[in-house]
Amino acid sequence: MIRVYWHITRRFYEVRAYRASSKGLTGKYRHFRGKAVKYSSLIENYEAHHKNPEPGGHRLPFGWWAVPSAAAGAGLILFALVIFA
């Protein structure tokens, strides 16, 4: 979620810097451009250190739901046999 905030904030400061430069406000331009660069570097550092070495490495295998479903079904059948037998 923090990365979304960083992307939005970076874009906000880029737009503010552009508006300041179009109005000739060089001091404001430098200020807003510096803020945009700050958030760009935060994003780059985060993405550089949080890359997943294997794409899709944290995914569950196909059909993972079959094992717990079978166990739950067997438990229900056993429960019904105990109660109604």
N, C-alpha and C. Protein backbone atom coordinates (compact mmCIF):
# COMPACT_ATOMS: atom_id res chain seq x y z
N MET A 1 0.82 -1.20 0.00
CA MET A 1 0.00 0.00 0.00
C MET A 1 0.87 1.26 0.00
N ILE A 2 2.01 1.17 0.69
CA ILE A 2 2.88 2.35 0.76
C ILE A 2 3.42 2.69 -0.63
N ARG A 3 3.64 1.67 -1.46
CA ARG A 3 4.16 1.94 -2.81
C ARG A 3 3.14 2.73 -3.63
N VAL A 4 1.86 2.43 -3.43
CA VAL A 4 0.82 3.19 -4.14
C VAL A 4 0.89 4.66 -3.74
N TYR A 5 1.05 4.90 -2.45
CA TYR A 5 1.19 6.28 -1.95
C TYR A 5 2.41 6.94 -2.57
N TRP A 6 3.54 6.21 -2.64
CA TRP A 6 4.76 6.78 -3.23
C TRP A 6 4.57 7.13 -4.69
N HIS A 7 3.89 6.26 -5.43
CA HIS A 7 3.66 6.53 -6.86
C HIS A 7 2.77 7.76 -7.06
N ILE A 8 1.71 7.84 -6.27
CA ILE A 8 0.78 8.97 -6.38
C ILE A 8 1.49 10.27 -5.98
N THR A 9 2.26 10.24 -4.89
CA THR A 9 2.95 11.43 -4.42
C THR A 9 4.02 11.87 -5.41
N ARG A 10 4.75 10.91 -5.98
CA ARG A 10 5.76 11.25 -6.98
C ARG A 10 5.12 11.95 -8.17
N ARG A 11 4.02 11.41 -8.65
CA ARG A 11 3.33 12.00 -9.79
C ARG A 11 2.80 13.39 -9.45
N PHE A 12 2.29 13.55 -8.23
CA PHE A 12 1.80 14.85 -7.78
C PHE A 12 2.90 15.90 -7.85
N TYR A 13 4.09 15.55 -7.31
CA TYR A 13 5.20 16.50 -7.31
C TYR A 13 5.75 16.74 -8.71
N GLU A 14 5.70 15.74 -9.59
CA GLU A 14 6.13 15.95 -10.97
C GLU A 14 5.22 16.97 -11.66
N VAL A 15 3.93 16.85 -11.45
CA VAL A 15 2.97 17.78 -12.05
C VAL A 15 3.16 19.17 -11.47
N ARG A 16 3.34 19.27 -10.15
CA ARG A 16 3.56 20.58 -9.53
C ARG A 16 4.84 21.23 -10.05
N ALA A 17 5.88 20.41 -10.25
CA ALA A 17 7.14 20.94 -10.79
C ALA A 17 6.94 21.45 -12.22
N TYR A 18 6.18 20.73 -13.01
CA TYR A 18 5.91 21.15 -14.38
C TYR A 18 5.15 22.48 -14.39
N ARG A 19 4.13 22.59 -13.52
CA ARG A 19 3.35 23.83 -13.47
C ARG A 19 4.22 25.00 -13.01
N ALA A 20 5.10 24.75 -12.04
CA ALA A 20 5.98 25.81 -11.56
C ALA A 20 6.94 26.25 -12.66
N SER A 21 7.45 25.29 -13.43
CA SER A 21 8.39 25.66 -14.49
C SER A 21 7.69 26.42 -15.62
N SER A 22 6.44 26.08 -15.87
CA SER A 22 5.71 26.78 -16.94
C SER A 22 5.37 28.21 -16.53
N LYS A 23 5.32 28.46 -15.23
CA LYS A 23 5.04 29.82 -14.74
C LYS A 23 6.32 30.60 -14.43
N GLY A 24 7.47 29.95 -14.63
CA GLY A 24 8.74 30.64 -14.40
C GLY A 24 9.19 30.68 -12.96
N LEU A 25 8.65 29.85 -12.12
CA LEU A 25 9.01 29.83 -10.70
C LEU A 25 10.11 28.79 -10.49
N THR A 26 11.35 29.19 -10.72
CA THR A 26 12.44 28.22 -10.68
C THR A 26 12.70 27.67 -9.28
N GLY A 27 12.51 28.48 -8.25
CA GLY A 27 12.71 28.00 -6.88
C GLY A 27 11.71 26.90 -6.53
N LYS A 28 10.45 27.15 -6.87
CA LYS A 28 9.41 26.15 -6.62
C LYS A 28 9.65 24.91 -7.48
N TYR A 29 10.12 25.14 -8.72
CA TYR A 29 10.39 24.01 -9.61
C TYR A 29 11.44 23.09 -8.98
N ARG A 30 12.53 23.67 -8.49
CA ARG A 30 13.59 22.87 -7.88
C ARG A 30 13.08 22.12 -6.64
N HIS A 31 12.26 22.82 -5.85
CA HIS A 31 11.70 22.20 -4.65
C HIS A 31 10.84 20.99 -5.00
N PHE A 32 9.89 21.17 -5.91
CA PHE A 32 8.99 20.08 -6.28
C PHE A 32 9.72 18.97 -7.03
N ARG A 33 10.70 19.34 -7.86
CA ARG A 33 11.47 18.33 -8.59
C ARG A 33 12.28 17.48 -7.60
N GLY A 34 12.80 18.11 -6.57
CA GLY A 34 13.54 17.37 -5.54
C GLY A 34 12.65 16.39 -4.80
N LYS A 35 11.43 16.81 -4.51
CA LYS A 35 10.48 15.92 -3.84
C LYS A 35 10.13 14.74 -4.75
N ALA A 36 9.92 15.00 -6.03
CA ALA A 36 9.59 13.93 -6.98
C ALA A 36 10.75 12.93 -7.07
N VAL A 37 11.97 13.44 -7.09
CA VAL A 37 13.14 12.56 -7.16
C VAL A 37 13.25 11.73 -5.88
N LYS A 38 12.90 12.32 -4.75
CA LYS A 38 12.94 11.59 -3.48
C LYS A 38 12.02 10.37 -3.55
N TYR A 39 10.79 10.57 -4.01
CA TYR A 39 9.85 9.46 -4.07
C TYR A 39 10.24 8.47 -5.17
N SER A 40 10.86 8.95 -6.25
CA SER A 40 11.34 8.03 -7.28
C SER A 40 12.42 7.12 -6.72
N SER A 41 13.32 7.68 -5.93
CA SER A 41 14.39 6.86 -5.36
C SER A 41 13.85 5.89 -4.32
N LEU A 42 12.83 6.29 -3.56
CA LEU A 42 12.20 5.36 -2.62
C LEU A 42 11.61 4.17 -3.35
N ILE A 43 10.93 4.45 -4.45
CA ILE A 43 10.31 3.38 -5.23
C ILE A 43 11.39 2.47 -5.81
N GLU A 44 12.44 3.04 -6.38
CA GLU A 44 13.51 2.23 -6.98
C GLU A 44 14.20 1.37 -5.93
N ASN A 45 14.51 1.94 -4.77
CA ASN A 45 15.17 1.16 -3.71
C ASN A 45 14.28 0.04 -3.21
N TYR A 46 13.00 0.31 -3.04
CA TYR A 46 12.08 -0.73 -2.57
C TYR A 46 12.00 -1.86 -3.58
N GLU A 47 11.84 -1.50 -4.85
CA GLU A 47 11.70 -2.54 -5.88
C GLU A 47 13.00 -3.31 -6.07
N ALA A 48 14.14 -2.68 -5.88
CA ALA A 48 15.42 -3.37 -6.03
C ALA A 48 15.63 -4.40 -4.92
N HIS A 49 15.13 -4.12 -3.72
CA HIS A 49 15.36 -5.03 -2.59
C HIS A 49 14.23 -6.02 -2.38
N HIS A 50 13.12 -5.85 -3.07
CA HIS A 50 11.99 -6.74 -2.86
C HIS A 50 11.60 -7.50 -4.12
N LYS A 51 12.55 -7.72 -5.00
CA LYS A 51 12.27 -8.51 -6.20
C LYS A 51 12.16 -9.98 -5.81
N ASN A 52 11.20 -10.66 -6.40
CA ASN A 52 11.04 -12.09 -6.20
C ASN A 52 11.95 -12.80 -7.20
N PRO A 53 12.91 -13.63 -6.75
CA PRO A 53 13.84 -14.25 -7.69
C PRO A 53 13.15 -15.20 -8.67
N GLU A 54 12.08 -15.85 -8.25
CA GLU A 54 11.32 -16.72 -9.14
C GLU A 54 9.96 -16.09 -9.39
N PRO A 55 9.62 -15.85 -10.65
CA PRO A 55 8.27 -15.33 -10.89
C PRO A 55 7.24 -16.39 -10.52
N GLY A 56 6.29 -16.00 -9.72
CA GLY A 56 5.25 -16.94 -9.28
C GLY A 56 5.75 -17.90 -8.22
N GLY A 57 6.79 -17.58 -7.51
CA GLY A 57 7.37 -18.48 -6.53
C GLY A 57 6.51 -18.71 -5.30
N HIS A 58 5.60 -17.81 -4.99
CA HIS A 58 4.78 -17.93 -3.79
C HIS A 58 3.39 -18.44 -4.07
N ARG A 59 3.16 -18.95 -5.24
CA ARG A 59 1.82 -19.42 -5.59
C ARG A 59 1.59 -20.83 -5.06
N LEU A 60 0.36 -21.12 -4.71
CA LEU A 60 0.01 -22.47 -4.28
C LEU A 60 -0.11 -23.36 -5.51
N PRO A 61 0.18 -24.64 -5.38
CA PRO A 61 0.08 -25.53 -6.54
C PRO A 61 -1.36 -25.68 -6.98
N PHE A 62 -1.52 -26.05 -8.26
CA PHE A 62 -2.86 -26.24 -8.81
C PHE A 62 -3.57 -27.36 -8.05
N GLY A 63 -4.82 -27.14 -7.70
CA GLY A 63 -5.61 -28.16 -7.01
C GLY A 63 -5.34 -28.23 -5.51
N TRP A 64 -4.74 -27.19 -4.94
CA TRP A 64 -4.41 -27.20 -3.52
C TRP A 64 -5.65 -27.34 -2.66
N TRP A 65 -6.78 -26.88 -3.16
CA TRP A 65 -8.03 -26.90 -2.41
C TRP A 65 -8.59 -28.31 -2.28
N ALA A 66 -8.14 -29.27 -3.12
CA ALA A 66 -8.68 -30.62 -3.09
C ALA A 66 -8.34 -31.34 -1.79
N VAL A 67 -7.15 -31.15 -1.27
CA VAL A 67 -6.74 -31.85 -0.05
C VAL A 67 -7.54 -31.40 1.16
N PRO A 68 -7.66 -30.08 1.43
CA PRO A 68 -8.49 -29.70 2.59
C PRO A 68 -9.96 -30.05 2.40
N SER A 69 -10.44 -29.98 1.16
CA SER A 69 -11.84 -30.32 0.91
C SER A 69 -12.10 -31.79 1.19
N ALA A 70 -11.19 -32.64 0.76
CA ALA A 70 -11.35 -34.07 1.01
C ALA A 70 -11.30 -34.37 2.50
N ALA A 71 -10.40 -33.69 3.21
CA ALA A 71 -10.30 -33.91 4.65
C ALA A 71 -11.57 -33.43 5.36
N ALA A 72 -12.10 -32.30 4.93
CA ALA A 72 -13.34 -31.79 5.54
C ALA A 72 -14.51 -32.72 5.23
N GLY A 73 -14.58 -33.20 4.00
CA GLY A 73 -15.66 -34.12 3.62
C GLY A 73 -15.59 -35.42 4.40
N ALA A 74 -14.38 -35.95 4.56
CA ALA A 74 -14.21 -37.18 5.34
C ALA A 74 -14.60 -36.95 6.79
N GLY A 75 -14.25 -35.77 7.31
CA GLY A 75 -14.62 -35.45 8.68
C GLY A 75 -16.13 -35.36 8.87
N LEU A 76 -16.81 -34.77 7.89
CA LEU A 76 -18.27 -34.67 7.97
C LEU A 76 -18.93 -36.04 7.89
N ILE A 77 -18.42 -36.90 7.02
CA ILE A 77 -18.99 -38.24 6.90
C ILE A 77 -18.77 -39.02 8.19
N LEU A 78 -17.56 -38.92 8.75
CA LEU A 78 -17.27 -39.60 10.01
C LEU A 78 -18.15 -39.06 11.13
N PHE A 79 -18.33 -37.76 11.17
CA PHE A 79 -19.19 -37.14 12.18
C PHE A 79 -20.63 -37.64 12.03
N ALA A 80 -21.13 -37.72 10.80
CA ALA A 80 -22.50 -38.19 10.56
C ALA A 80 -22.64 -39.66 10.97
N LEU A 81 -21.62 -40.49 10.70
CA LEU A 81 -21.69 -41.88 11.09
C LEU A 81 -21.72 -42.05 12.61
N VAL A 82 -20.96 -41.22 13.30
CA VAL A 82 -20.92 -41.31 14.76
C VAL A 82 -22.24 -40.85 15.36
N ILE A 83 -22.80 -39.76 14.83
CA ILE A 83 -24.04 -39.19 15.39
C ILE A 83 -25.25 -40.08 15.08
N PHE A 84 -25.37 -40.53 13.83
CA PHE A 84 -26.57 -41.25 13.42
C PHE A 84 -26.45 -42.76 13.48
N ALA A 85 -25.34 -43.29 13.94
CA ALA A 85 -25.19 -44.75 14.00
C ALA A 85 -25.68 -45.31 15.30
